[in-house]
PDB file of N, CA and C in Angstrom:
ATOM      1  N   MET A   1      46.326 122.314  88.718  1.00  0.00           N
ATOM      2  CA  MET A   1      45.765 122.552  89.799  1.00  0.00           C
ATOM      3  C   MET A   1      44.288 122.435  89.421  1.00  0.00           C
ATOM      4  N   ALA A   2      43.933 122.613  88.393  1.00  0.00           N
ATOM      5  CA  ALA A   2      42.392 121.980  87.733  1.00  0.00           C
ATOM      6  C   ALA A   2      41.746 120.832  87.856  1.00  0.00           C
ATOM      7  N   GLY A   3      43.143 120.147  87.740  1.00  0.00           N
ATOM      8  CA  GLY A   3      42.254 118.487  87.547  1.00  0.00           C
ATOM      9  C   GLY A   3      42.102 117.935  88.681  1.00  0.00           C
ATOM     10  N   GLY A   4      42.839 118.321  89.672  1.00  0.00           N
ATOM     11  CA  GLY A   4      43.036 118.325  91.408  1.00  0.00           C
ATOM     12  C   GLY A   4      40.959 118.716  91.656  1.00  0.00           C
ATOM     13  N   HIS A   5      40.602 119.664  91.114  1.00  0.00           N
ATOM     14  CA  HIS A   5      39.773 120.321  91.777  1.00  0.00           C
ATOM     15  C   HIS A   5      38.333 119.317  91.207  1.00  0.00           C
ATOM     16  N   ASN A   6      38.960 119.033  89.976  1.00  0.00           N
ATOM     17  CA  ASN A   6      37.811 118.694  89.352  1.00  0.00           C
ATOM     18  C   ASN A   6      37.708 116.860  89.789  1.00  0.00           C
ATOM     19  N   VAL A   7      38.485 116.444  90.086  1.00  0.00           N
ATOM     20  CA  VAL A   7      38.671 115.189  90.978  1.00  0.00           C
ATOM     21  C   VAL A   7      37.770 115.091  91.722  1.00  0.00           C
ATOM     22  N   TYR A   8      37.893 115.970  92.757  1.00  0.00           N
ATOM     23  CA  TYR A   8      37.199 116.356  94.204  1.00  0.00           C
ATOM     24  C   TYR A   8      35.657 116.675  93.791  1.00  0.00           C
ATOM     25  N   ALA A   9      35.718 116.995  92.991  1.00  0.00           N
ATOM     26  CA  ALA A   9      33.721 117.627  92.540  1.00  0.00           C
ATOM     27  C   ALA A   9      33.489 116.318  91.832  1.00  0.00           C
ATOM     28  N   ALA A  10      34.178 115.292  91.490  1.00  0.00           N
ATOM     29  CA  ALA A  10      33.844 114.148  90.865  1.00  0.00           C
ATOM     30  C   ALA A  10      33.785 113.110  92.147  1.00  0.00           C
ATOM     31  N   CYS A  11      34.049 113.236  92.805  1.00  0.00           N
ATOM     32  CA  CYS A  11      34.144 112.202  94.298  1.00  0.00           C
ATOM     33  C   CYS A  11      32.449 112.905  94.826  1.00  0.00           C
ATOM     34  N   VAL A  12      32.737 114.571  95.439  1.00  0.00           N
ATOM     35  CA  VAL A  12      31.490 115.030  95.927  1.00  0.00           C
ATOM     36  C   VAL A  12      30.134 114.166  94.917  1.00  0.00           C
ATOM     37  N   ILE A  13      30.183 114.373  93.877  1.00  0.00           N
ATOM     38  CA  ILE A  13      28.681 114.264  93.194  1.00  0.00           C
ATOM     39  C   ILE A  13      29.013 112.793  92.916  1.00  0.00           C
ATOM     40  N   SER A  14      29.924 111.755  93.126  1.00  0.00           N
ATOM     41  CA  SER A  14      29.979 110.472  93.302  1.00  0.00           C
ATOM     42  C   SER A  14      29.176 110.051  94.480  1.00  0.00           C
ATOM     43  N   CYS A  15      29.564 110.798  95.550  1.00  0.00           N
ATOM     44  CA  CYS A  15      29.534 110.185  96.807  1.00  0.00           C
ATOM     45  C   CYS A  15      27.902 110.615  97.280  1.00  0.00           C
ATOM     46  N   ASN A  16      27.222 111.776  96.478  1.00  0.00           N
ATOM     47  CA  ASN A  16      25.822 112.192  96.780  1.00  0.00           C
ATOM     48  C   ASN A  16      24.970 111.370  95.789  1.00  0.00           C
ATOM     49  N   PHE A  17      25.448 110.694  94.617  1.00  0.00           N
ATOM     50  CA  PHE A  17      24.457 109.319  94.161  1.00  0.00           C
ATOM     51  C   PHE A  17      24.593 108.247  94.794  1.00  0.00           C
ATOM     52  N   VAL A  18      25.828 107.713  95.276  1.00  0.00           N
ATOM     53  CA  VAL A  18      26.043 106.344  95.818  1.00  0.00           C
ATOM     54  C   VAL A  18      24.406 106.827  97.320  1.00  0.00           C
ATOM     55  N   ILE A  19      24.862 107.739  98.274  1.00  0.00           N
ATOM     56  CA  ILE A  19      23.823 107.896  99.119  1.00  0.00           C
ATOM     57  C   ILE A  19      22.561 107.990  98.817  1.00  0.00           C
ATOM     58  N   LEU A  20      22.275 108.660  97.869  1.00  0.00           N
ATOM     59  CA  LEU A  20      20.707 108.843  96.933  1.00  0.00           C
ATOM     60  C   LEU A  20      20.239 107.317  96.723  1.00  0.00           C
ATOM     61  N   ALA A  21      21.182 107.103  95.700  1.00  0.00           N
ATOM     62  CA  ALA A  21      20.912 105.225  95.458  1.00  0.00           C
ATOM     63  C   ALA A  21      20.612 104.140  96.640  1.00  0.00           C
ATOM     64  N   MET A  22      21.241 104.307  97.613  1.00  0.00           N
ATOM     65  CA  MET A  22      21.645 103.352  98.874  1.00  0.00           C
ATOM     66  C   MET A  22      20.129 103.796  99.609  1.00  0.00           C
ATOM     67  N   GLN A  23      20.075 104.469  99.927  1.00  0.00           N
ATOM     68  CA  GLN A  23      18.869 105.002 100.751  1.00  0.00           C
ATOM     69  C   GLN A  23      17.681 104.944  99.794  1.00  0.00           C
ATOM     70  N   HIS A  24      17.380 104.701  98.680  1.00  0.00           N
ATOM     71  CA  HIS A  24      16.584 105.019  97.937  1.00  0.00           C
ATOM     72  C   HIS A  24      15.481 106.102  98.093  1.00  0.00           C
ATOM     73  N   ASN A  25      15.857 107.051  98.186  1.00  0.00           N
ATOM     74  CA  ASN A  25      15.117 108.497  98.431  1.00  0.00           C
ATOM     75  C   ASN A  25      15.160 109.354  97.391  1.00  0.00           C
ATOM     76  N   TRP A  26      14.556 108.882  96.101  1.00  0.00           N
ATOM     77  CA  TRP A  26      14.375 109.657  95.024  1.00  0.00           C
ATOM     78  C   TRP A  26      13.456 110.292  95.370  1.00  0.00           C
ATOM     79  N   THR A  27      13.291 110.983  96.228  1.00  0.00           N
ATOM     80  CA  THR A  27      12.279 112.207  96.194  1.00  0.00           C
ATOM     81  C   THR A  27      12.810 113.776  96.012  1.00  0.00           C
ATOM     82  N   PHE A  28      11.707 114.539  95.890  1.00  0.00           N
ATOM     83  CA  PHE A  28      11.938 115.718  95.412  1.00  0.00           C
ATOM     84  C   PHE A  28      13.050 116.426  96.494  1.00  0.00           C
ATOM     85  N   LEU A  29      12.797 115.987  97.881  1.00  0.00           N
ATOM     86  CA  LEU A  29      13.836 117.078  99.263  1.00  0.00           C
ATOM     87  C   LEU A  29      14.844 115.849  98.971  1.00  0.00           C
ATOM     88  N   GLY A  30      14.734 114.825  98.600  1.00  0.00           N
ATOM     89  CA  GLY A  30      16.557 114.258  98.527  1.00  0.00           C
ATOM     90  C   GLY A  30      17.152 115.145  97.600  1.00  0.00           C
ATOM     91  N   GLU A  31      16.612 114.762  95.920  1.00  0.00           N
ATOM     92  CA  GLU A  31      17.107 115.221  95.171  1.00  0.00           C
ATOM     93  C   GLU A  31      17.404 117.253  95.082  1.00  0.00           C
ATOM     94  N   LEU A  32      16.396 117.460  95.718  1.00  0.00           N
ATOM     95  CA  LEU A  32      17.083 119.210  95.704  1.00  0.00           C
ATOM     96  C   LEU A  32      18.313 118.814  97.258  1.00  0.00           C
ATOM     97  N   LEU A  33      18.090 118.229  97.882  1.00  0.00           N
ATOM     98  CA  LEU A  33      19.634 118.303  98.549  1.00  0.00           C
ATOM     99  C   LEU A  33      20.515 117.992  98.067  1.00  0.00           C
ATOM    100  N   MET A  34      20.593 116.778  96.937  1.00  0.00           N
ATOM    101  CA  MET A  34      21.721 116.482  96.688  1.00  0.00           C
ATOM    102  C   MET A  34      22.007 117.539  95.459  1.00  0.00           C
ATOM    103  N   ALA A  35      21.419 118.273  94.913  1.00  0.00           N
ATOM    104  CA  ALA A  35      21.453 119.822  94.028  1.00  0.00           C
ATOM    105  C   ALA A  35      22.083 120.565  94.623  1.00  0.00           C
ATOM    106  N   LEU A  36      21.515 120.573  95.746  1.00  0.00           N
ATOM    107  CA  LEU A  36      22.394 122.175  96.728  1.00  0.00           C
ATOM    108  C   LEU A  36      23.670 121.267  97.258  1.00  0.00           C
ATOM    109  N   GLN A  37      23.966 120.336  97.654  1.00  0.00           N
ATOM    110  CA  GLN A  37      25.614 120.154  97.873  1.00  0.00           C
ATOM    111  C   GLN A  37      26.597 120.177  96.678  1.00  0.00           C
ATOM    112  N   ILE A  38      25.624 119.657  95.485  1.00  0.00           N
ATOM    113  CA  ILE A  38      26.866 119.521  94.175  1.00  0.00           C
ATOM    114  C   ILE A  38      26.870 121.305  93.989  1.00  0.00           C
ATOM    115  N   GLY A  39      26.057 122.006  93.816  1.00  0.00           N
ATOM    116  CA  GLY A  39      25.687 123.347  93.763  1.00  0.00           C
ATOM    117  C   GLY A  39      26.562 123.962  94.471  1.00  0.00           C
ATOM    118  N   SER A  40      26.828 124.045  95.656  1.00  0.00           N
ATOM    119  CA  SER A  40      27.278 124.629  96.636  1.00  0.00           C
ATOM    120  C   SER A  40      28.757 124.487  96.670  1.00  0.00           C
ATOM    121  N   TYR A  41      29.354 123.310  96.140  1.00  0.00           N
ATOM    122  CA  TYR A  41      30.693 122.969  95.780  1.00  0.00           C
ATOM    123  C   TYR A  41      31.083 123.887  94.769  1.00  0.00           C
ATOM    124  N   PHE A  42      30.701 123.815  93.826  1.00  0.00           N
ATOM    125  CA  PHE A  42      31.262 124.551  92.605  1.00  0.00           C
ATOM    126  C   PHE A  42      30.728 126.344  93.054  1.00  0.00           C
ATOM    127  N   GLY A  43      30.254 126.978  93.649  1.00  0.00           N
ATOM    128  CA  GLY A  43      29.449 128.025  94.051  1.00  0.00           C
ATOM    129  C   GLY A  43      31.148 128.314  95.554  1.00  0.00           C
ATOM    130  N   THR A  44      31.099 127.594  96.218  1.00  0.00           N
ATOM    131  CA  THR A  44      32.197 127.379  96.584  1.00  0.00           C
ATOM    132  C   THR A  44      33.571 128.005  96.297  1.00  0.00           C
ATOM    133  N   VAL A  45      33.676 126.966  95.603  1.00  0.00           N
ATOM    134  CA  VAL A  45      35.277 126.889  94.608  1.00  0.00           C
ATOM    135  C   VAL A  45      35.299 128.629  93.786  1.00  0.00           C
ATOM    136  N   LEU A  46      34.428 128.799  93.262  1.00  0.00           N
ATOM    137  CA  LEU A  46      34.591 130.512  92.340  1.00  0.00           C
ATOM    138  C   LEU A  46      34.506 131.733  93.610  1.00  0.00           C
ATOM    139  N   ILE A  47      33.548 131.582  94.249  1.00  0.00           N
ATOM    140  CA  ILE A  47      33.807 132.688  95.280  1.00  0.00           C
ATOM    141  C   ILE A  47      35.097 132.605  95.542  1.00  0.00           C
ATOM    142  N   GLN A  48      35.627 131.506  96.643  1.00  0.00           N
ATOM    143  CA  GLN A  48      37.155 131.464  97.061  1.00  0.00           C
ATOM    144  C   GLN A  48      37.835 131.827  95.915  1.00  0.00           C
ATOM    145  N   ALA A  49      38.036 131.627  94.919  1.00  0.00           N
ATOM    146  CA  ALA A  49      38.846 131.776  93.620  1.00  0.00           C
ATOM    147  C   ALA A  49      38.694 133.059  93.584  1.00  0.00           C
ATOM    148  N   GLU A  50      38.167 134.224  93.823  1.00  0.00           N
ATOM    149  CA  GLU A  50      38.290 135.500  94.033  1.00  0.00           C
ATOM    150  C   GLU A  50      39.152 136.069  95.271  1.00  0.00           C
ATOM    151  N   PHE A  51      39.288 135.370  96.346  1.00  0.00           N
ATOM    152  CA  PHE A  51      39.551 136.292  96.988  1.00  0.00           C
ATOM    153  C   PHE A  51      41.350 135.502  97.311  1.00  0.00           C
ATOM    154  N   SER A  52      42.350 136.765  97.601  1.00  0.00           N
ATOM    155  CA  SER A  52      43.691 136.516  97.946  1.00  0.00           C
ATOM    156  C   SER A  52      43.861 135.872  99.139  1.00  0.00           C
ATOM    157  N   ARG A  53      43.028 135.676  99.910  1.00  0.00           N
ATOM    158  CA  ARG A  53      43.098 134.956 101.360  1.00  0.00           C
ATOM    159  C   ARG A  53      43.415 133.543 100.905  1.00  0.00           C
ATOM    160  N   PHE A  54      42.888 132.883  99.760  1.00  0.00           N
ATOM    161  CA  PHE A  54      42.946 131.577  99.710  1.00  0.00           C
ATOM    162  C   PHE A  54      43.436 131.539  97.994  1.00  0.00           C
ATOM    163  N   PHE A  55      45.075 131.348  98.634  1.00  0.00           N
ATOM    164  CA  PHE A  55      46.128 131.622  97.513  1.00  0.00           C
ATOM    165  C   PHE A  55      46.690 130.347  96.425  1.00  0.00           C
ATOM    166  N   LEU A  56      45.716 129.205  97.076  1.00  0.00           N
ATOM    167  CA  LEU A  56      45.899 127.942  96.170  1.00  0.00           C
ATOM    168  C   LEU A  56      45.313 128.013  95.334  1.00  0.00           C
ATOM    169  N   ILE A  57      43.893 128.572  94.889  1.00  0.00           N
ATOM    170  CA  ILE A  57      42.997 128.721  94.171  1.00  0.00           C
ATOM    171  C   ILE A  57      42.693 130.110  93.645  1.00  0.00           C
ATOM    172  N   TYR A  58      43.801 131.102  94.227  1.00  0.00           N
ATOM    173  CA  TYR A  58      43.489 132.569  93.712  1.00  0.00           C
ATOM    174  C   TYR A  58      43.110 132.739  92.070  1.00  0.00           C
ATOM    175  N   GLN A  59      42.400 133.251  91.378  1.00  0.00           N
ATOM    176  CA  GLN A  59      42.199 133.777  90.378  1.00  0.00           C
ATOM    177  C   GLN A  59      42.516 132.553  89.141  1.00  0.00           C
ATOM    178  N   PHE A  60      41.863 131.123  89.550  1.00  0.00           N
ATOM    179  CA  PHE A  60      42.322 130.419  88.549  1.00  0.00           C
ATOM    180  C   PHE A  60      41.130 130.145  87.695  1.00  0.00           C
ATOM    181  N   THR A  61      39.990 130.387  87.696  1.00  0.00           N
ATOM    182  CA  THR A  61      38.930 130.486  87.413  1.00  0.00           C
ATOM    183  C   THR A  61      39.182 130.283  85.909  1.00  0.00           C
ATOM    184  N   GLU A  62      39.899 130.775  85.115  1.00  0.00           N
ATOM    185  CA  GLU A  62      39.995 130.625  83.264  1.00  0.00           C
ATOM    186  C   GLU A  62      40.376 129.037  83.345  1.00  0.00           C
ATOM    187  N   GLU A  63      41.538 128.893  84.007  1.00  0.00           N
ATOM    188  CA  GLU A  63      42.171 127.702  83.850  1.00  0.00           C
ATOM    189  C   GLU A  63      41.261 126.459  84.550  1.00  0.00           C
ATOM    190  N   TYR A  64      40.455 126.845  85.375  1.00  0.00           N
ATOM    191  CA  TYR A  64      39.668 125.767  85.843  1.00  0.00           C
ATOM    192  C   TYR A  64      39.189 125.245  84.797  1.00  0.00           C
ATOM    193  N   PHE A  65      38.024 126.019  83.556  1.00  0.00           N
ATOM    194  CA  PHE A  65      37.135 126.208  83.432  1.00  0.00           C
ATOM    195  C   PHE A  65      37.933 125.711  81.341  1.00  0.00           C
ATOM    196  N   THR A  66      39.197 126.194  81.296  1.00  0.00           N
ATOM    197  CA  THR A  66      39.353 126.047  79.957  1.00  0.00           C
ATOM    198  C   THR A  66      40.119 124.627  80.037  1.00  0.00           C
ATOM    199  N   ASN A  67      40.743 123.645  80.704  1.00  0.00           N
ATOM    200  CA  ASN A  67      41.862 122.349  81.357  1.00  0.00           C
ATOM    201  C   ASN A  67      40.138 121.367  80.399  1.00  0.00           C
ATOM    202  N   ILE A  68      40.668 121.017  79.373  1.00  0.00           N
ATOM    203  CA  ILE A  68      39.715 120.327  78.347  1.00  0.00           C
ATOM    204  C   ILE A  68      40.155 118.735  79.273  1.00  0.00           C
ATOM    205  N   ALA A  69      41.532 118.363  79.315  1.00  0.00           N
ATOM    206  CA  ALA A  69      41.543 117.113  79.974  1.00  0.00           C
ATOM    207  C   ALA A  69      40.793 117.080  81.060  1.00  0.00           C
ATOM    208  N   ALA A  70      41.312 117.480  82.076  1.00  0.00           N
ATOM    209  CA  ALA A  70      40.487 117.453  83.186  1.00  0.00           C
ATOM    210  C   ALA A  70      38.522 117.478  83.514  1.00  0.00           C
ATOM    211  N   TRP A  71      38.172 117.935  82.478  1.00  0.00           N
ATOM    212  CA  TRP A  71      37.406 118.353  82.419  1.00  0.00           C
ATOM    213  C   TRP A  71      36.235 116.825  81.972  1.00  0.00           C
ATOM    214  N   LEU A  72      37.210 116.019  80.470  1.00  0.00           N
ATOM    215  CA  LEU A  72      36.846 115.070  80.416  1.00  0.00           C
ATOM    216  C   LEU A  72      37.169 114.162  81.131  1.00  0.00           C
ATOM    217  N   GLY A  73      38.109 113.673  82.171  1.00  0.00           N
ATOM    218  CA  GLY A  73      38.271 112.910  82.931  1.00  0.00           C
ATOM    219  C   GLY A  73      36.995 112.713  83.956  1.00  0.00           C
ATOM    220  N   PHE A  74      36.254 113.918  84.501  1.00  0.00           N
ATOM    221  CA  PHE A  74      35.315 114.370  85.491  1.00  0.00           C
ATOM    222  C   PHE A  74      34.150 113.503  84.958  1.00  0.00           C
ATOM    223  N   PHE A  75      33.739 113.587  83.388  1.00  0.00           N
ATOM    224  CA  PHE A  75      32.588 113.230  82.961  1.00  0.00           C
ATOM    225  C   PHE A  75      32.739 111.633  82.564  1.00  0.00           C
ATOM    226  N   LEU A  76      33.781 111.259  82.216  1.00  0.00           N
ATOM    227  CA  LEU A  76      34.037 109.687  82.429  1.00  0.00           C
ATOM    228  C   LEU A  76      33.751 109.708  83.951  1.00  0.00           C
ATOM    229  N   CYS A  77      34.373 109.834  84.837  1.00  0.00           N
ATOM    230  CA  CYS A  77      34.725 109.508  86.181  1.00  0.00           C
ATOM    231  C   CYS A  77      33.076 109.471  86.779  1.00  0.00           C
ATOM    232  N   ILE A  78      32.155 110.468  86.093  1.00  0.00           N
ATOM    233  CA  ILE A  78      30.859 110.349  86.963  1.00  0.00           C
ATOM    234  C   ILE A  78      29.993 109.302  85.989  1.00  0.00           C
ATOM    235  N   VAL A  79      30.345 109.408  84.782  1.00  0.00           N
ATOM    236  CA  VAL A  79      29.289 108.139  84.008  1.00  0.00           C
ATOM    237  C   VAL A  79      30.035 106.623  84.257  1.00  0.00           C
ATOM    238  N   PHE A  80      30.672 106.234  84.942  1.00  0.00           N
ATOM    239  CA  PHE A  80      31.243 105.519  85.406  1.00  0.00           C
ATOM    240  C   PHE A  80      31.145 104.919  86.687  1.00  0.00           C
ATOM    241  N   SER A  81      30.928 106.102  87.652  1.00  0.00           N
ATOM    242  CA  SER A  81      30.599 105.726  89.065  1.00  0.00           C
ATOM    243  C   SER A  81      28.752 105.511  88.916  1.00  0.00           C
ATOM    244  N   LEU A  82      28.584 106.102  88.236  1.00  0.00           N
ATOM    245  CA  LEU A  82      26.737 105.995  87.651  1.00  0.00           C
ATOM    246  C   LEU A  82      26.516 104.686  87.223  1.00  0.00           C
ATOM    247  N   LEU A  83      27.423 104.278  86.657  1.00  0.00           N
ATOM    248  CA  LEU A  83      27.144 102.862  85.725  1.00  0.00           C
ATOM    249  C   LEU A  83      27.189 101.722  87.410  1.00  0.00           C
ATOM    250  N   LEU A  84      28.533 102.193  87.598  1.00  0.00           N
ATOM    251  CA  LEU A  84      28.847 100.923  88.899  1.00  0.00           C
ATOM    252  C   LEU A  84      27.808 101.102  90.127  1.00  0.00           C
ATOM    253  N   ILE A  85      27.423 102.205  90.455  1.00  0.00           N
ATOM    254  CA  ILE A  85      26.646 102.847  91.583  1.00  0.00           C
ATOM    255  C   ILE A  85      25.474 101.818  91.093  1.00  0.00           C
ATOM    256  N   SER A  86      24.972 101.318  89.640  1.00  0.00           N
ATOM    257  CA  SER A  86      23.387 101.244  89.255  1.00  0.00           C
ATOM    258  C   SER A  86      23.664  99.569  89.190  1.00  0.00           C
ATOM    259  N   LEU A  87      24.990  99.086  89.175  1.00  0.00           N
ATOM    260  CA  LEU A  87      25.198  97.749  89.149  1.00  0.00           C
ATOM    261  C   LEU A  87      25.285  96.871  90.285  1.00  0.00           C
ATOM    262  N   ALA A  88      25.627  97.996  91.362  1.00  0.00           N
ATOM    263  CA  ALA A  88      26.451  97.443  92.803  1.00  0.00           C
ATOM    264  C   ALA A  88      24.658  97.147  93.331  1.00  0.00           C
ATOM    265  N   ASN A  89      24.039  98.372  93.334  1.00  0.00           N
ATOM    266  CA  ASN A  89      22.610  98.377  93.917  1.00  0.00           C
ATOM    267  C   ASN A  89      21.862  97.439  93.386  1.00  0.00           C
ATOM    268  N   SER A  90      22.081  96.403  92.115  1.00  0.00           N
ATOM    269  CA  SER A  90      20.973  95.705  91.512  1.00  0.00           C
ATOM    270  C   SER A  90      21.740  94.450  92.186  1.00  0.00           C
ATOM    271  N   GLU A  91      22.970  94.440  92.182  1.00  0.00           N
ATOM    272  CA  GLU A  91      23.573  92.882  92.913  1.00  0.00           C
ATOM    273  C   GLU A  91      23.271  93.367  94.243  1.00  0.00           C
ATOM    274  N   LEU A  92      23.045  94.313  95.018  1.00  0.00           N
ATOM    275  CA  LEU A  92      22.952  94.397  96.398  1.00  0.00           C
ATOM    276  C   LEU A  92      21.229  93.870  96.200  1.00  0.00           C
ATOM    277  N   ASN A  93      20.681  94.078  95.426  1.00  0.00           N
ATOM    278  CA  ASN A  93      18.984  93.965  95.919  1.00  0.00           C
ATOM    279  C   ASN A  93      18.946  92.044  95.102  1.00  0.00           C
ATOM    280  N   LEU A  94      19.361  91.947  94.582  1.00  0.00           N
ATOM    281  CA  LEU A  94      19.506  90.075  94.494  1.00  0.00           C
ATOM    282  C   LEU A  94      19.857  89.470  95.191  1.00  0.00           C
ATOM    283  N   CYS A  95      21.310  90.069  96.010  1.00  0.00           N
ATOM    284  CA  CYS A  95      21.727  89.049  97.131  1.00  0.00           C
ATOM    285  C   CYS A  95      20.412  89.471  98.165  1.00  0.00           C
ATOM    286  N   CYS A  96      20.149  90.392  98.782  1.00  0.00           N
ATOM    287  CA  CYS A  96      19.058  90.383  99.304  1.00  0.00           C
ATOM    288  C   CYS A  96      17.952  89.434  99.588  1.00  0.00           C
ATOM    289  N   LYS A  97      17.160  89.687  98.322  1.00  0.00           N
ATOM    290  CA  LYS A  97      16.090  89.175  97.752  1.00  0.00           C
ATOM    291  C   LYS A  97      16.424  87.278  97.959  1.00  0.00           C
ATOM    292  N   ARG A  98      17.820  86.887  97.533  1.00  0.00           N
ATOM    293  CA  ARG A  98      17.979  85.244  97.776  1.00  0.00           C
ATOM    294  C   ARG A  98      18.110  84.899  99.681  1.00  0.00           C
ATOM    295  N   CYS A  99      18.902  86.267 100.046  1.00  0.00           N
ATOM    296  CA  CYS A  99      18.347  85.333 101.165  1.00  0.00           C
ATOM    297  C   CYS A  99      17.489  85.565 101.970  1.00  0.00           C
ATOM    298  N   CYS A 100      16.194  86.647 101.954  1.00  0.00           N
ATOM    299  CA  CYS A 100      15.495  86.362 102.308  1.00  0.00           C
ATOM    300  C   CYS A 100      14.604  85.398 101.801  1.00  0.00           C
ATOM    301  N   ARG A 101      14.631  84.681 100.546  1.00  0.00           N
ATOM    302  CA  ARG A 101      13.903  83.391 100.155  1.00  0.00           C
ATOM    303  C   ARG A 101      14.464  82.665 100.847  1.00  0.00           C
ATOM    304  N   LYS A 102      15.792  82.313 101.163  1.00  0.00           N
ATOM    305  CA  LYS A 102      16.545  81.228 101.887  1.00  0.00           C
ATOM    306  C   LYS A 102      15.560  81.182 103.189  1.00  0.00           C
ATOM    307  N   ARG A 103      15.628  81.900 103.898  1.00  0.00           N
ATOM    308  CA  ARG A 103      15.632  82.587 105.314  1.00  0.00           C
ATOM    309  C   ARG A 103      13.174  81.780 105.541  1.00  0.00           C
ATOM    310  N   ASP A 104      13.082  82.599 104.437  1.00  0.00           N
ATOM    311  CA  ASP A 104      11.787  82.533 104.736  1.00  0.00           C
ATOM    312  C   ASP A 104      11.547  80.738 103.998  1.00  0.00           C
ATOM    313  N   LEU A 105      12.084  80.367 103.414  1.00  0.00           N
ATOM    314  CA  LEU A 105      11.789  78.680 102.813  1.00  0.00           C
ATOM    315  C   LEU A 105      12.254  77.752 104.132  1.00  0.00           C
ATOM    316  N   ALA A 106      12.827  78.251 105.034  1.00  0.00           N
ATOM    317  CA  ALA A 106      13.324  77.564 105.942  1.00  0.00           C
ATOM    318  C   ALA A 106      12.648  77.703 107.005  1.00  0.00           C
ATOM    319  N   ALA A 107      12.047  78.701 107.134  1.00  0.00           N
ATOM    320  CA  ALA A 107      11.033  79.236 108.239  1.00  0.00           C
ATOM    321  C   ALA A 107       9.540  78.187 108.215  1.00  0.00           C
ATOM    322  N   SER A 108       9.422  77.777 107.002  1.00  0.00           N
ATOM    323  CA  SER A 108       8.030  77.397 106.323  1.00  0.00           C
ATOM    324  C   SER A 108       8.478  76.064 106.415  1.00  0.00           C
ATOM    325  N   THR A 109       9.576  75.503 106.458  1.00  0.00           N
ATOM    326  CA  THR A 109       9.356  74.084 106.233  1.00  0.00           C
ATOM    327  C   THR A 109       9.906  73.311 107.443  1.00  0.00           C
ATOM    328  N   THR A 110      10.343  74.307 108.901  1.00  0.00           N
ATOM    329  CA  THR A 110      10.598  73.721 110.366  1.00  0.00           C
ATOM    330  C   THR A 110       9.386  73.350 110.477  1.00  0.00           C
ATOM    331  N   VAL A 111       9.666  72.321 112.057  1.00  0.00           N
ATOM    332  CA  VAL A 111       8.780  71.780 112.491  1.00  0.00           C
ATOM    333  C   VAL A 111       8.456  72.703 113.848  1.00  0.00           C
ATOM    334  N   PRO A 112       7.362  73.575 114.521  1.00  0.00           N
ATOM    335  CA  PRO A 112       7.290  74.006 115.483  1.00  0.00           C
ATOM    336  C   PRO A 112       7.604  73.066 116.263  1.00  0.00           C
ATOM    337  N   ILE A 113       8.118  73.464 117.715  1.00  0.00           N
ATOM    338  CA  ILE A 113       8.546  72.846 118.907  1.00  0.00           C
ATOM    339  C   ILE A 113       8.158  73.385 119.906  1.00  0.00           C
ATOM    340  N   GLU A 114       7.149  72.252 120.987  1.00  0.00           N
ATOM    341  CA  GLU A 114       6.242  72.718 122.141  1.00  0.00           C
ATOM    342  C   GLU A 114       7.371  72.872 122.908  1.00  0.00           C
ATOM    343  N   PRO A 115       7.227  73.938 123.691  1.00  0.00           N
ATOM    344  CA  PRO A 115       8.476  74.492 124.765  1.00  0.00           C
ATOM    345  C   PRO A 115       7.470  73.072 125.932  1.00  0.00           C
ATOM    346  N   LYS A 116       8.793  72.801 126.460  1.00  0.00           N
ATOM    347  CA  LYS A 116       9.373  72.277 127.525  1.00  0.00           C
ATOM    348  C   LYS A 116       9.168  72.838 129.189  1.00  0.00           C
ATOM    349  N   GLU A 117       8.237  72.623 129.896  1.00  0.00           N
ATOM    350  CA  GLU A 117       8.930  72.552 131.217  1.00  0.00           C
ATOM    351  C   GLU A 117       9.579  72.615 131.711  1.00  0.00           C
ATOM    352  N   PHE A 118      10.245  73.804 132.293  1.00  0.00           N
ATOM    353  CA  PHE A 118      11.619  73.726 133.216  1.00  0.00           C
ATOM    354  C   PHE A 118      11.430  73.806 134.393  1.00  0.00           C
ATOM    355  N   THR A 119      12.380  72.604 135.179  1.00  0.00           N
ATOM    356  CA  THR A 119      12.087  71.759 136.256  1.00  0.00           C
ATOM    357  C   THR A 119      13.704  72.332 137.051  1.00  0.00           C
ATOM    358  N   VAL A 120      13.891  71.999 138.220  1.00  0.00           N
ATOM    359  CA  VAL A 120      15.107  72.063 138.812  1.00  0.00           C
ATOM    360  C   VAL A 120      16.416  70.976 138.600  1.00  0.00           C
ATOM    361  N   GLU A 121      15.250  69.742 138.582  1.00  0.00           N
ATOM    362  CA  GLU A 121      16.112  68.704 138.034  1.00  0.00           C
ATOM    363  C   GLU A 121      16.873  68.948 136.619  1.00  0.00           C
ATOM    364  N   ASP A 122      16.452  69.797 136.063  1.00  0.00           N
ATOM    365  CA  ASP A 122      16.505  69.562 134.722  1.00  0.00           C
ATOM    366  C   ASP A 122      18.437  70.510 134.770  1.00  0.00           C
ATOM    367  N   GLU A 123      18.184  71.477 135.455  1.00  0.00           N
ATOM    368  CA  GLU A 123      19.429  72.831 135.574  1.00  0.00           C
ATOM    369  C   GLU A 123      20.612  71.554 136.109  1.00  0.00           C
ATOM    370  N   TYR A 124      20.245  70.523 137.041  1.00  0.00           N
ATOM    371  CA  TYR A 124      21.330  69.788 137.649  1.00  0.00           C
ATOM    372  C   TYR A 124      21.845  68.647 136.928  1.00  0.00           C
ATOM    373  N   SER A 125      20.850  68.070 136.211  1.00  0.00           N
ATOM    374  CA  SER A 125      21.363  67.017 135.176  1.00  0.00           C
ATOM    375  C   SER A 125      22.012  67.595 133.974  1.00  0.00           C
ATOM    376  N   MET A 126      22.000  68.736 133.726  1.00  0.00           N
ATOM    377  CA  MET A 126      23.117  68.959 132.320  1.00  0.00           C
ATOM    378  C   MET A 126      24.534  69.258 132.915  1.00  0.00           C
TER     379      MET A 126
END
């Protein structure tokens, strides 16, 4: 049971890092929002574990924190996702720079075309 919740927690954290990295929003407000979203997940799970209404996770706090394999998988998932996020972000930036360089190069080598007067005969001659 604890393994599944750790996987979901890793997904929550990874998604927050992806959003933060792709928006380039490394400001205090963006980081605070990310920290609140991650903290609210753990807070919600711990609060729900105390109520019998949530019977699937009722009083599983001890199992949740003592499952070493689940936490090892959680930390490895976070580490590898952070590495892949930074790699994907740098590749995306490199690709954008190449495309912009080609566009700017193509725009600087073209000769501007003078506008042509449009007449009614031109429309019928096509």
